[in-house]
Amino acid sequence: ETRLIPQAGYRLHTVDMIPFDPALGARRYLLPAALMKSGA
């Protein structure tokens, strides 16, 4: 989206979020905090 949305003429608002991916290992435990931050 960082490339495609501006190319289409729209503004991209970015948020800090990590993927919903089990391959994150121990980092997946950061998901609830990341979701609350990006939700805010």
PDB file of all heavy atoms in Angstrom:
ATOM      1  N   GLU A   1       0.797  -1.212   0.000  1.00  0.00           N
ATOM      2  CA  GLU A   1       0.000   0.000   0.000  1.00  0.00           C
ATOM      3  C   GLU A   1       0.841   1.278   0.000  1.00  0.00           C
ATOM      4  O   GLU A   1       0.394   2.313  -0.479  1.00  0.00           O
ATOM      5  CB  GLU A   1      -0.989   0.005   1.176  1.00  0.00           C
ATOM      6  CG  GLU A   1      -0.373   0.014   2.558  1.00  0.00           C
ATOM      7  CD  GLU A   1      -0.139  -1.359   3.154  1.00  0.00           C
ATOM      8  OE1 GLU A   1      -0.059  -2.351   2.408  1.00  0.00           O
ATOM      9  OE2 GLU A   1      -0.017  -1.440   4.380  1.00  0.00           O
ATOM     10  N   THR A   2       2.072   1.198   0.526  1.00  0.00           N
ATOM     11  CA  THR A   2       2.910   2.407   0.564  1.00  0.00           C
ATOM     12  C   THR A   2       3.219   2.926  -0.833  1.00  0.00           C
ATOM     13  O   THR A   2       3.447   4.111  -1.020  1.00  0.00           O
ATOM     14  CB  THR A   2       4.235   2.148   1.308  1.00  0.00           C
ATOM     15  OG1 THR A   2       4.945   1.103   0.654  1.00  0.00           O
ATOM     16  CG2 THR A   2       4.000   1.804   2.754  1.00  0.00           C
ATOM     17  N   ARG A   3       3.190   2.039  -1.808  1.00  0.00           N
ATOM     18  CA  ARG A   3       3.446   2.429  -3.191  1.00  0.00           C
ATOM     19  C   ARG A   3       2.148   2.548  -3.989  1.00  0.00           C
ATOM     20  O   ARG A   3       1.933   3.519  -4.709  1.00  0.00           O
ATOM     21  CB  ARG A   3       4.374   1.393  -3.845  1.00  0.00           C
ATOM     22  CG  ARG A   3       4.771   1.712  -5.264  1.00  0.00           C
ATOM     23  CD  ARG A   3       5.780   0.711  -5.812  1.00  0.00           C
ATOM     24  NE  ARG A   3       5.493  -0.681  -5.524  1.00  0.00           N
ATOM     25  CZ  ARG A   3       4.688  -1.452  -6.268  1.00  0.00           C
ATOM     26  NH1 ARG A   3       4.103  -0.972  -7.324  1.00  0.00           N
ATOM     27  NH2 ARG A   3       4.496  -2.711  -5.947  1.00  0.00           N
ATOM     28  N   LEU A   4       1.264   1.567  -3.837  1.00  0.00           N
ATOM     29  CA  LEU A   4       0.070   1.501  -4.678  1.00  0.00           C
ATOM     30  C   LEU A   4      -0.969   2.581  -4.389  1.00  0.00           C
ATOM     31  O   LEU A   4      -1.562   3.136  -5.313  1.00  0.00           O
ATOM     32  CB  LEU A   4      -0.578   0.119  -4.554  1.00  0.00           C
ATOM     33  CG  LEU A   4       0.289  -1.052  -5.016  1.00  0.00           C
ATOM     34  CD1 LEU A   4      -0.433  -2.368  -4.756  1.00  0.00           C
ATOM     35  CD2 LEU A   4       0.653  -0.913  -6.474  1.00  0.00           C
ATOM     36  N   ILE A   5      -1.208   2.880  -3.130  1.00  0.00           N
ATOM     37  CA  ILE A   5      -2.241   3.862  -2.784  1.00  0.00           C
ATOM     38  C   ILE A   5      -1.867   5.268  -3.250  1.00  0.00           C
ATOM     39  O   ILE A   5      -2.670   5.925  -3.909  1.00  0.00           O
ATOM     40  CB  ILE A   5      -2.593   3.780  -1.281  1.00  0.00           C
ATOM     41  CG1 ILE A   5      -3.348   2.466  -1.035  1.00  0.00           C
ATOM     42  CG2 ILE A   5      -3.407   4.990  -0.833  1.00  0.00           C
ATOM     43  CD1 ILE A   5      -3.613   2.154   0.411  1.00  0.00           C
ATOM     44  N   PRO A   6      -0.657   5.744  -2.960  1.00  0.00           N
ATOM     45  CA  PRO A   6      -0.293   7.070  -3.493  1.00  0.00           C
ATOM     46  C   PRO A   6      -0.285   7.118  -5.029  1.00  0.00           C
ATOM     47  O   PRO A   6      -0.680   8.124  -5.618  1.00  0.00           O
ATOM     48  CB  PRO A   6       1.104   7.329  -2.924  1.00  0.00           C
ATOM     49  CG  PRO A   6       1.149   6.499  -1.685  1.00  0.00           C
ATOM     50  CD  PRO A   6       0.345   5.263  -2.017  1.00  0.00           C
ATOM     51  N   GLN A   7       0.137   6.027  -5.676  1.00  0.00           N
ATOM     52  CA  GLN A   7       0.117   5.985  -7.141  1.00  0.00           C
ATOM     53  C   GLN A   7      -1.301   6.130  -7.681  1.00  0.00           C
ATOM     54  O   GLN A   7      -1.509   6.669  -8.759  1.00  0.00           O
ATOM     55  CB  GLN A   7       0.719   4.678  -7.662  1.00  0.00           C
ATOM     56  CG  GLN A   7       2.215   4.635  -7.655  1.00  0.00           C
ATOM     57  CD  GLN A   7       2.757   3.288  -8.141  1.00  0.00           C
ATOM     58  OE1 GLN A   7       2.013   2.351  -8.422  1.00  0.00           O
ATOM     59  NE2 GLN A   7       4.074   3.197  -8.231  1.00  0.00           N
ATOM     60  N   ALA A   8      -2.287   5.648  -6.920  1.00  0.00           N
ATOM     61  CA  ALA A   8      -3.682   5.744  -7.341  1.00  0.00           C
ATOM     62  C   ALA A   8      -4.280   7.119  -7.021  1.00  0.00           C
ATOM     63  O   ALA A   8      -5.433   7.376  -7.329  1.00  0.00           O
ATOM     64  CB  ALA A   8      -4.509   4.644  -6.684  1.00  0.00           C
ATOM     65  N   GLY A   9      -3.485   7.976  -6.375  1.00  0.00           N
ATOM     66  CA  GLY A   9      -3.943   9.331  -6.093  1.00  0.00           C
ATOM     67  C   GLY A   9      -4.610   9.526  -4.743  1.00  0.00           C
ATOM     68  O   GLY A   9      -5.234  10.550  -4.504  1.00  0.00           O
ATOM     69  N   TYR A  10      -4.476   8.546  -3.850  1.00  0.00           N
ATOM     70  CA  TYR A  10      -5.070   8.660  -2.523  1.00  0.00           C
ATOM     71  C   TYR A  10      -3.992   8.855  -1.474  1.00  0.00           C
ATOM     72  O   TYR A  10      -2.847   8.425  -1.632  1.00  0.00           O
ATOM     73  CB  TYR A  10      -5.872   7.398  -2.165  1.00  0.00           C
ATOM     74  CG  TYR A  10      -7.093   7.206  -3.023  1.00  0.00           C
ATOM     75  CD1 TYR A  10      -7.059   6.327  -4.107  1.00  0.00           C
ATOM     76  CD2 TYR A  10      -8.265   7.888  -2.761  1.00  0.00           C
ATOM     77  CE1 TYR A  10      -8.176   6.143  -4.902  1.00  0.00           C
ATOM     78  CE2 TYR A  10      -9.386   7.706  -3.551  1.00  0.00           C
ATOM     79  CZ  TYR A  10      -9.337   6.842  -4.615  1.00  0.00           C
ATOM     80  OH  TYR A  10     -10.436   6.663  -5.406  1.00  0.00           O
ATOM     81  N   ARG A  11      -4.380   9.462  -0.362  1.00  0.00           N
ATOM     82  CA  ARG A  11      -3.474   9.621   0.765  1.00  0.00           C
ATOM     83  C   ARG A  11      -3.496   8.338   1.601  1.00  0.00           C
ATOM     84  O   ARG A  11      -4.568   7.779   1.863  1.00  0.00           O
ATOM     85  CB  ARG A  11      -3.911  10.802   1.628  1.00  0.00           C
ATOM     86  CG  ARG A  11      -3.039  10.977   2.843  1.00  0.00           C
ATOM     87  CD  ARG A  11      -3.443  12.176   3.666  1.00  0.00           C
ATOM     88  NE  ARG A  11      -2.650  12.196   4.884  1.00  0.00           N
ATOM     89  CZ  ARG A  11      -2.964  12.890   5.943  1.00  0.00           C
ATOM     90  NH1 ARG A  11      -4.043  13.659   5.933  1.00  0.00           N
ATOM     91  NH2 ARG A  11      -2.221  12.851   7.013  1.00  0.00           N
ATOM     92  N   LEU A  12      -2.339   7.913   2.034  1.00  0.00           N
ATOM     93  CA  LEU A  12      -2.235   6.748   2.908  1.00  0.00           C
ATOM     94  C   LEU A  12      -1.915   7.219   4.319  1.00  0.00           C
ATOM     95  O   LEU A  12      -0.924   7.909   4.542  1.00  0.00           O
ATOM     96  CB  LEU A  12      -1.133   5.798   2.429  1.00  0.00           C
ATOM     97  CG  LEU A  12      -0.848   4.605   3.341  1.00  0.00           C
ATOM     98  CD1 LEU A  12      -2.048   3.662   3.380  1.00  0.00           C
ATOM     99  CD2 LEU A  12       0.402   3.870   2.892  1.00  0.00           C
ATOM    100  N   HIS A  13      -2.758   6.857   5.262  1.00  0.00           N
ATOM    101  CA  HIS A  13      -2.507   7.100   6.681  1.00  0.00           C
ATOM    102  C   HIS A  13      -1.864   5.825   7.214  1.00  0.00           C
ATOM    103  O   HIS A  13      -2.430   4.736   7.046  1.00  0.00           O
ATOM    104  CB  HIS A  13      -3.809   7.374   7.429  1.00  0.00           C
ATOM    105  CG  HIS A  13      -4.566   8.541   6.910  1.00  0.00           C
ATOM    106  ND1 HIS A  13      -4.359   9.826   7.360  1.00  0.00           N
ATOM    107  CD2 HIS A  13      -5.518   8.628   5.960  1.00  0.00           C
ATOM    108  CE1 HIS A  13      -5.166  10.645   6.724  1.00  0.00           C
ATOM    109  NE2 HIS A  13      -5.887   9.936   5.862  1.00  0.00           N
ATOM    110  N   THR A  14      -0.721   5.933   7.838  1.00  0.00           N
ATOM    111  CA  THR A  14      -0.039   4.721   8.316  1.00  0.00           C
ATOM    112  C   THR A  14      -0.203   4.559   9.822  1.00  0.00           C
ATOM    113  O   THR A  14      -0.295   5.528  10.565  1.00  0.00           O
ATOM    114  CB  THR A  14       1.457   4.732   7.958  1.00  0.00           C
ATOM    115  OG1 THR A  14       2.070   5.879   8.521  1.00  0.00           O
ATOM    116  CG2 THR A  14       1.650   4.721   6.450  1.00  0.00           C
ATOM    117  N   VAL A  15      -0.251   3.295  10.228  1.00  0.00           N
ATOM    118  CA  VAL A  15      -0.330   2.927  11.637  1.00  0.00           C
ATOM    119  C   VAL A  15       0.748   1.885  11.919  1.00  0.00           C
ATOM    120  O   VAL A  15       1.255   1.228  11.023  1.00  0.00           O
ATOM    121  CB  VAL A  15      -1.725   2.375  12.013  1.00  0.00           C
ATOM    122  CG1 VAL A  15      -2.794   3.443  11.852  1.00  0.00           C
ATOM    123  CG2 VAL A  15      -2.080   1.137  11.219  1.00  0.00           C
ATOM    124  N   ASP A  16       1.081   1.754  13.197  1.00  0.00           N
ATOM    125  CA  ASP A  16       2.081   0.774  13.635  1.00  0.00           C
ATOM    126  C   ASP A  16       1.367  -0.517  13.984  1.00  0.00           C
ATOM    127  O   ASP A  16       0.648  -0.577  14.978  1.00  0.00           O
ATOM    128  CB  ASP A  16       2.828   1.296  14.867  1.00  0.00           C
ATOM    129  CG  ASP A  16       3.499   2.632  14.615  1.00  0.00           C
ATOM    130  OD1 ASP A  16       4.067   2.800  13.528  1.00  0.00           O
ATOM    131  OD2 ASP A  16       3.442   3.508  15.497  1.00  0.00           O
ATOM    132  N   MET A  17       1.533  -1.527  13.167  1.00  0.00           N
ATOM    133  CA  MET A  17       0.869  -2.810  13.405  1.00  0.00           C
ATOM    134  C   MET A  17       1.790  -3.929  12.972  1.00  0.00           C
ATOM    135  O   MET A  17       2.576  -3.767  12.037  1.00  0.00           O
ATOM    136  CB  MET A  17      -0.452  -2.863  12.619  1.00  0.00           C
ATOM    137  CG  MET A  17      -1.295  -4.077  12.879  1.00  0.00           C
ATOM    138  SD  MET A  17      -1.664  -4.269  14.639  1.00  0.00           S
ATOM    139  CE  MET A  17      -2.405  -5.880  14.651  1.00  0.00           C
ATOM    140  N   ILE A  18       1.686  -5.058  13.651  1.00  0.00           N
ATOM    141  CA  ILE A  18       2.454  -6.238  13.258  1.00  0.00           C
ATOM    142  C   ILE A  18       1.477  -7.257  12.670  1.00  0.00           C
ATOM    143  O   ILE A  18       0.292  -7.236  12.988  1.00  0.00           O
ATOM    144  CB  ILE A  18       3.253  -6.834  14.446  1.00  0.00           C
ATOM    145  CG1 ILE A  18       2.328  -7.246  15.595  1.00  0.00           C
ATOM    146  CG2 ILE A  18       4.302  -5.852  14.931  1.00  0.00           C
ATOM    147  CD1 ILE A  18       3.044  -7.945  16.736  1.00  0.00           C
ATOM    148  N   PRO A  19       1.965  -8.142  11.818  1.00  0.00           N
ATOM    149  CA  PRO A  19       1.068  -9.130  11.189  1.00  0.00           C
ATOM    150  C   PRO A  19       0.469 -10.111  12.200  1.00  0.00           C
ATOM    151  O   PRO A  19       1.041 -10.364  13.246  1.00  0.00           O
ATOM    152  CB  PRO A  19       1.986  -9.881  10.216  1.00  0.00           C
ATOM    153  CG  PRO A  19       3.188  -9.038  10.056  1.00  0.00           C
ATOM    154  CD  PRO A  19       3.327  -8.231  11.312  1.00  0.00           C
ATOM    155  N   PHE A  20      -0.680 -10.662  11.837  1.00  0.00           N
ATOM    156  CA  PHE A  20      -1.313 -11.746  12.598  1.00  0.00           C
ATOM    157  C   PHE A  20      -0.674 -13.040  12.099  1.00  0.00           C
ATOM    158  O   PHE A  20      -1.285 -13.800  11.375  1.00  0.00           O
ATOM    159  CB  PHE A  20      -2.812 -11.789  12.288  1.00  0.00           C
ATOM    160  CG  PHE A  20      -3.647 -10.766  13.003  1.00  0.00           C
ATOM    161  CD1 PHE A  20      -3.444  -9.414  12.820  1.00  0.00           C
ATOM    162  CD2 PHE A  20      -4.654 -11.180  13.858  1.00  0.00           C
ATOM    163  CE1 PHE A  20      -4.223  -8.492  13.469  1.00  0.00           C
ATOM    164  CE2 PHE A  20      -5.451 -10.255  14.510  1.00  0.00           C
ATOM    165  CZ  PHE A  20      -5.227  -8.904  14.318  1.00  0.00           C
ATOM    166  N   ASP A  21       0.556 -13.291  12.467  1.00  0.00           N
ATOM    167  CA  ASP A  21       1.294 -14.399  11.886  1.00  0.00           C
ATOM    168  C   ASP A  21       1.935 -15.261  12.970  1.00  0.00           C
ATOM    169  O   ASP A  21       2.780 -14.767  13.721  1.00  0.00           O
ATOM    170  CB  ASP A  21       2.368 -13.840  10.949  1.00  0.00           C
ATOM    171  CG  ASP A  21       3.077 -14.908  10.145  1.00  0.00           C
ATOM    172  OD1 ASP A  21       2.855 -16.113  10.385  1.00  0.00           O
ATOM    173  OD2 ASP A  21       3.857 -14.534   9.261  1.00  0.00           O
ATOM    174  N   PRO A  22       1.566 -16.542  13.061  1.00  0.00           N
ATOM    175  CA  PRO A  22       2.169 -17.418  14.063  1.00  0.00           C
ATOM    176  C   PRO A  22       3.679 -17.554  13.892  1.00  0.00           C
ATOM    177  O   PRO A  22       4.387 -17.873  14.838  1.00  0.00           O
ATOM    178  CB  PRO A  22       1.485 -18.769  13.835  1.00  0.00           C
ATOM    179  CG  PRO A  22       0.272 -18.498  13.030  1.00  0.00           C
ATOM    180  CD  PRO A  22       0.534 -17.234  12.277  1.00  0.00           C
ATOM    181  N   ALA A  23       4.191 -17.273  12.704  1.00  0.00           N
ATOM    182  CA  ALA A  23       5.628 -17.383  12.459  1.00  0.00           C
ATOM    183  C   ALA A  23       6.425 -16.290  13.175  1.00  0.00           C
ATOM    184  O   ALA A  23       7.648 -16.303  13.159  1.00  0.00           O
ATOM    185  CB  ALA A  23       5.911 -17.328  10.954  1.00  0.00           C
ATOM    186  N   LEU A  24       5.755 -15.358  13.814  1.00  0.00           N
ATOM    187  CA  LEU A  24       6.446 -14.302  14.549  1.00  0.00           C
ATOM    188  C   LEU A  24       7.166 -14.841  15.783  1.00  0.00           C
ATOM    189  O   LEU A  24       7.974 -14.135  16.371  1.00  0.00           O
ATOM    190  CB  LEU A  24       5.455 -13.226  14.994  1.00  0.00           C
ATOM    191  CG  LEU A  24       4.917 -12.306  13.933  1.00  0.00           C
ATOM    192  CD1 LEU A  24       3.830 -11.416  14.517  1.00  0.00           C
ATOM    193  CD2 LEU A  24       6.019 -11.464  13.332  1.00  0.00           C
ATOM    194  N   GLY A  25       6.846 -16.051  16.171  1.00  0.00           N
ATOM    195  CA  GLY A  25       7.465 -16.615  17.359  1.00  0.00           C
ATOM    196  C   GLY A  25       7.020 -15.855  18.599  1.00  0.00           C
ATOM    197  O   GLY A  25       5.849 -15.510  18.751  1.00  0.00           O
ATOM    198  N   ALA A  26       7.961 -15.536  19.478  1.00  0.00           N
ATOM    199  CA  ALA A  26       7.640 -14.848  20.728  1.00  0.00           C
ATOM    200  C   ALA A  26       7.090 -13.448  20.490  1.00  0.00           C
ATOM    201  O   ALA A  26       6.349 -12.923  21.326  1.00  0.00           O
ATOM    202  CB  ALA A  26       8.875 -14.785  21.614  1.00  0.00           C
ATOM    203  N   ARG A  27       7.404 -12.840  19.349  1.00  0.00           N
ATOM    204  CA  ARG A  27       6.887 -11.490  19.037  1.00  0.00           C
ATOM    205  C   ARG A  27       5.365 -11.476  18.929  1.00  0.00           C
ATOM    206  O   ARG A  27       4.748 -10.423  19.067  1.00  0.00           O
ATOM    207  CB  ARG A  27       7.485 -10.962  17.728  1.00  0.00           C
ATOM    208  CG  ARG A  27       8.879 -10.426  17.900  1.00  0.00           C
ATOM    209  CD  ARG A  27       9.360  -9.657  16.696  1.00  0.00           C
ATOM    210  NE  ARG A  27       8.482  -8.533  16.396  1.00  0.00           N
ATOM    211  CZ  ARG A  27       8.201  -8.122  15.164  1.00  0.00           C
ATOM    212  NH1 ARG A  27       8.708  -8.728  14.128  1.00  0.00           N
ATOM    213  NH2 ARG A  27       7.410  -7.100  14.969  1.00  0.00           N
ATOM    214  N   ARG A  28       4.746 -12.629  18.721  1.00  0.00           N
ATOM    215  CA  ARG A  28       3.283 -12.647  18.597  1.00  0.00           C
ATOM    216  C   ARG A  28       2.609 -12.223  19.900  1.00  0.00           C
ATOM    217  O   ARG A  28       1.469 -11.794  19.898  1.00  0.00           O
ATOM    218  CB  ARG A  28       2.782 -14.004  18.121  1.00  0.00           C
ATOM    219  CG  ARG A  28       2.857 -15.107  19.127  1.00  0.00           C
ATOM    220  CD  ARG A  28       2.302 -16.407  18.542  1.00  0.00           C
ATOM    221  NE  ARG A  28       2.412 -17.495  19.459  1.00  0.00           N
ATOM    222  CZ  ARG A  28       3.450 -18.310  19.560  1.00  0.00           C
ATOM    223  NH1 ARG A  28       4.483 -18.154  18.764  1.00  0.00           N
ATOM    224  NH2 ARG A  28       3.465 -19.276  20.445  1.00  0.00           N
ATOM    225  N   TYR A  29       3.317 -12.304  21.014  1.00  0.00           N
ATOM    226  CA  TYR A  29       2.752 -11.868  22.286  1.00  0.00           C
ATOM    227  C   TYR A  29       2.655 -10.347  22.374  1.00  0.00           C
ATOM    228  O   TYR A  29       2.002  -9.813  23.258  1.00  0.00           O
ATOM    229  CB  TYR A  29       3.556 -12.442  23.454  1.00  0.00           C
ATOM    230  CG  TYR A  29       3.479 -13.952  23.486  1.00  0.00           C
ATOM    231  CD1 TYR A  29       4.583 -14.723  23.184  1.00  0.00           C
ATOM    232  CD2 TYR A  29       2.281 -14.597  23.771  1.00  0.00           C
ATOM    233  CE1 TYR A  29       4.504 -16.111  23.169  1.00  0.00           C
ATOM    234  CE2 TYR A  29       2.186 -15.986  23.762  1.00  0.00           C
ATOM    235  CZ  TYR A  29       3.305 -16.729  23.462  1.00  0.00           C
ATOM    236  OH  TYR A  29       3.217 -18.098  23.441  1.00  0.00           O
ATOM    237  N   LEU A  30       3.290  -9.654  21.448  1.00  0.00           N
ATOM    238  CA  LEU A  30       3.197  -8.192  21.371  1.00  0.00           C
ATOM    239  C   LEU A  30       1.934  -7.754  20.632  1.00  0.00           C
ATOM    240  O   LEU A  30       1.595  -6.575  20.632  1.00  0.00           O
ATOM    241  CB  LEU A  30       4.427  -7.617  20.658  1.00  0.00           C
ATOM    242  CG  LEU A  30       5.783  -7.893  21.297  1.00  0.00           C
ATOM    243  CD1 LEU A  30       6.897  -7.371  20.413  1.00  0.00           C
ATOM    244  CD2 LEU A  30       5.842  -7.259  22.680  1.00  0.00           C
ATOM    245  N   LEU A  31       1.255  -8.689  19.987  1.00  0.00           N
ATOM    246  CA  LEU A  31       0.098  -8.368  19.158  1.00  0.00           C
ATOM    247  C   LEU A  31      -0.996  -7.589  19.896  1.00  0.00           C
ATOM    248  O   LEU A  31      -1.476  -6.579  19.372  1.00  0.00           O
ATOM    249  CB  LEU A  31      -0.470  -9.631  18.517  1.00  0.00           C
ATOM    250  CG  LEU A  31      -1.598  -9.424  17.519  1.00  0.00           C
ATOM    251  CD1 LEU A  31      -1.149  -8.560  16.354  1.00  0.00           C
ATOM    252  CD2 LEU A  31      -2.096 -10.755  17.008  1.00  0.00           C
ATOM    253  N   PRO A  32      -1.418  -7.988  21.109  1.00  0.00           N
ATOM    254  CA  PRO A  32      -2.470  -7.207  21.772  1.00  0.00           C
ATOM    255  C   PRO A  32      -2.088  -5.741  21.988  1.00  0.00           C
ATOM    256  O   PRO A  32      -2.887  -4.841  21.737  1.00  0.00           O
ATOM    257  CB  PRO A  32      -2.682  -7.933  23.106  1.00  0.00           C
ATOM    258  CG  PRO A  32      -2.248  -9.338  22.833  1.00  0.00           C
ATOM    259  CD  PRO A  32      -1.083  -9.204  21.872  1.00  0.00           C
ATOM    260  N   ALA A  33      -0.850  -5.493  22.432  1.00  0.00           N
ATOM    261  CA  ALA A  33      -0.406  -4.112  22.648  1.00  0.00           C
ATOM    262  C   ALA A  33      -0.318  -3.361  21.317  1.00  0.00           C
ATOM    263  O   ALA A  33      -0.719  -2.194  21.227  1.00  0.00           O
ATOM    264  CB  ALA A  33       0.943  -4.089  23.365  1.00  0.00           C
ATOM    265  N   ALA A  34       0.195  -4.027  20.284  1.00  0.00           N
ATOM    266  CA  ALA A  34       0.286  -3.386  18.969  1.00  0.00           C
ATOM    267  C   ALA A  34      -1.099  -3.075  18.422  1.00  0.00           C
ATOM    268  O   ALA A  34      -1.315  -2.015  17.816  1.00  0.00           O
ATOM    269  CB  ALA A  34       1.048  -4.287  17.994  1.00  0.00           C
ATOM    270  N   LEU A  35      -2.055  -3.958  18.656  1.00  0.00           N
ATOM    271  CA  LEU A  35      -3.417  -3.746  18.182  1.00  0.00           C
ATOM    272  C   LEU A  35      -4.070  -2.566  18.904  1.00  0.00           C
ATOM    273  O   LEU A  35      -4.755  -1.752  18.280  1.00  0.00           O
ATOM    274  CB  LEU A  35      -4.246  -5.015  18.355  1.00  0.00           C
ATOM    275  CG  LEU A  35      -5.656  -4.977  17.790  1.00  0.00           C
ATOM    276  CD1 LEU A  35      -5.657  -4.662  16.295  1.00  0.00           C
ATOM    277  CD2 LEU A  35      -6.344  -6.305  18.048  1.00  0.00           C
ATOM    278  N   MET A  36      -3.857  -2.447  20.196  1.00  0.00           N
ATOM    279  CA  MET A  36      -4.420  -1.312  20.934  1.00  0.00           C
ATOM    280  C   MET A  36      -3.780   0.006  20.480  1.00  0.00           C
ATOM    281  O   MET A  36      -4.472   1.008  20.308  1.00  0.00           O
ATOM    282  CB  MET A  36      -4.249  -1.502  22.439  1.00  0.00           C
ATOM    283  CG  MET A  36      -5.099  -2.633  22.996  1.00  0.00           C
ATOM    284  SD  MET A  36      -6.848  -2.550  22.528  1.00  0.00           S
ATOM    285  CE  MET A  36      -7.346  -1.056  23.333  1.00  0.00           C
ATOM    286  N   LYS A  37      -2.468  -0.006  20.276  1.00  0.00           N
ATOM    287  CA  LYS A  37      -1.779   1.214  19.821  1.00  0.00           C
ATOM    288  C   LYS A  37      -2.266   1.615  18.428  1.00  0.00           C
ATOM    289  O   LYS A  37      -2.619   2.770  18.196  1.00  0.00           O
ATOM    290  CB  LYS A  37      -0.263   0.983  19.795  1.00  0.00           C
ATOM    291  CG  LYS A  37       0.505   2.177  19.297  1.00  0.00           C
ATOM    292  CD  LYS A  37       1.995   1.920  19.269  1.00  0.00           C
ATOM    293  CE  LYS A  37       2.744   3.133  18.728  1.00  0.00           C
ATOM    294  NZ  LYS A  37       4.181   2.888  18.639  1.00  0.00           N
ATOM    295  N   SER A  38      -2.289   0.660  17.515  1.00  0.00           N
ATOM    296  CA  SER A  38      -2.715   0.983  16.152  1.00  0.00           C
ATOM    297  C   SER A  38      -4.209   1.295  16.097  1.00  0.00           C
ATOM    298  O   SER A  38      -4.650   2.115  15.285  1.00  0.00           O
ATOM    299  CB  SER A  38      -2.352  -0.144  15.182  1.00  0.00           C
ATOM    300  OG  SER A  38      -2.952  -1.356  15.577  1.00  0.00           O
ATOM    301  N   GLY A  39      -4.999   0.675  16.975  1.00  0.00           N
ATOM    302  CA  GLY A  39      -6.420   1.003  17.064  1.00  0.00           C
ATOM    303  C   GLY A  39      -6.617   2.450  17.494  1.00  0.00           C
ATOM    304  O   GLY A  39      -7.462   3.171  16.949  1.00  0.00           O
ATOM    305  N   ALA A  40      -5.823   2.893  18.479  1.00  0.00           N
ATOM    306  CA  ALA A  40      -5.892   4.294  18.920  1.00  0.00           C
ATOM    307  C   ALA A  40      -5.447   5.233  17.797  1.00  0.00           C
ATOM    308  O   ALA A  40      -6.022   6.308  17.615  1.00  0.00           O
ATOM    309  CB  ALA A  40      -5.040   4.488  20.170  1.00  0.00           C
TER     310      ALA A  40
END
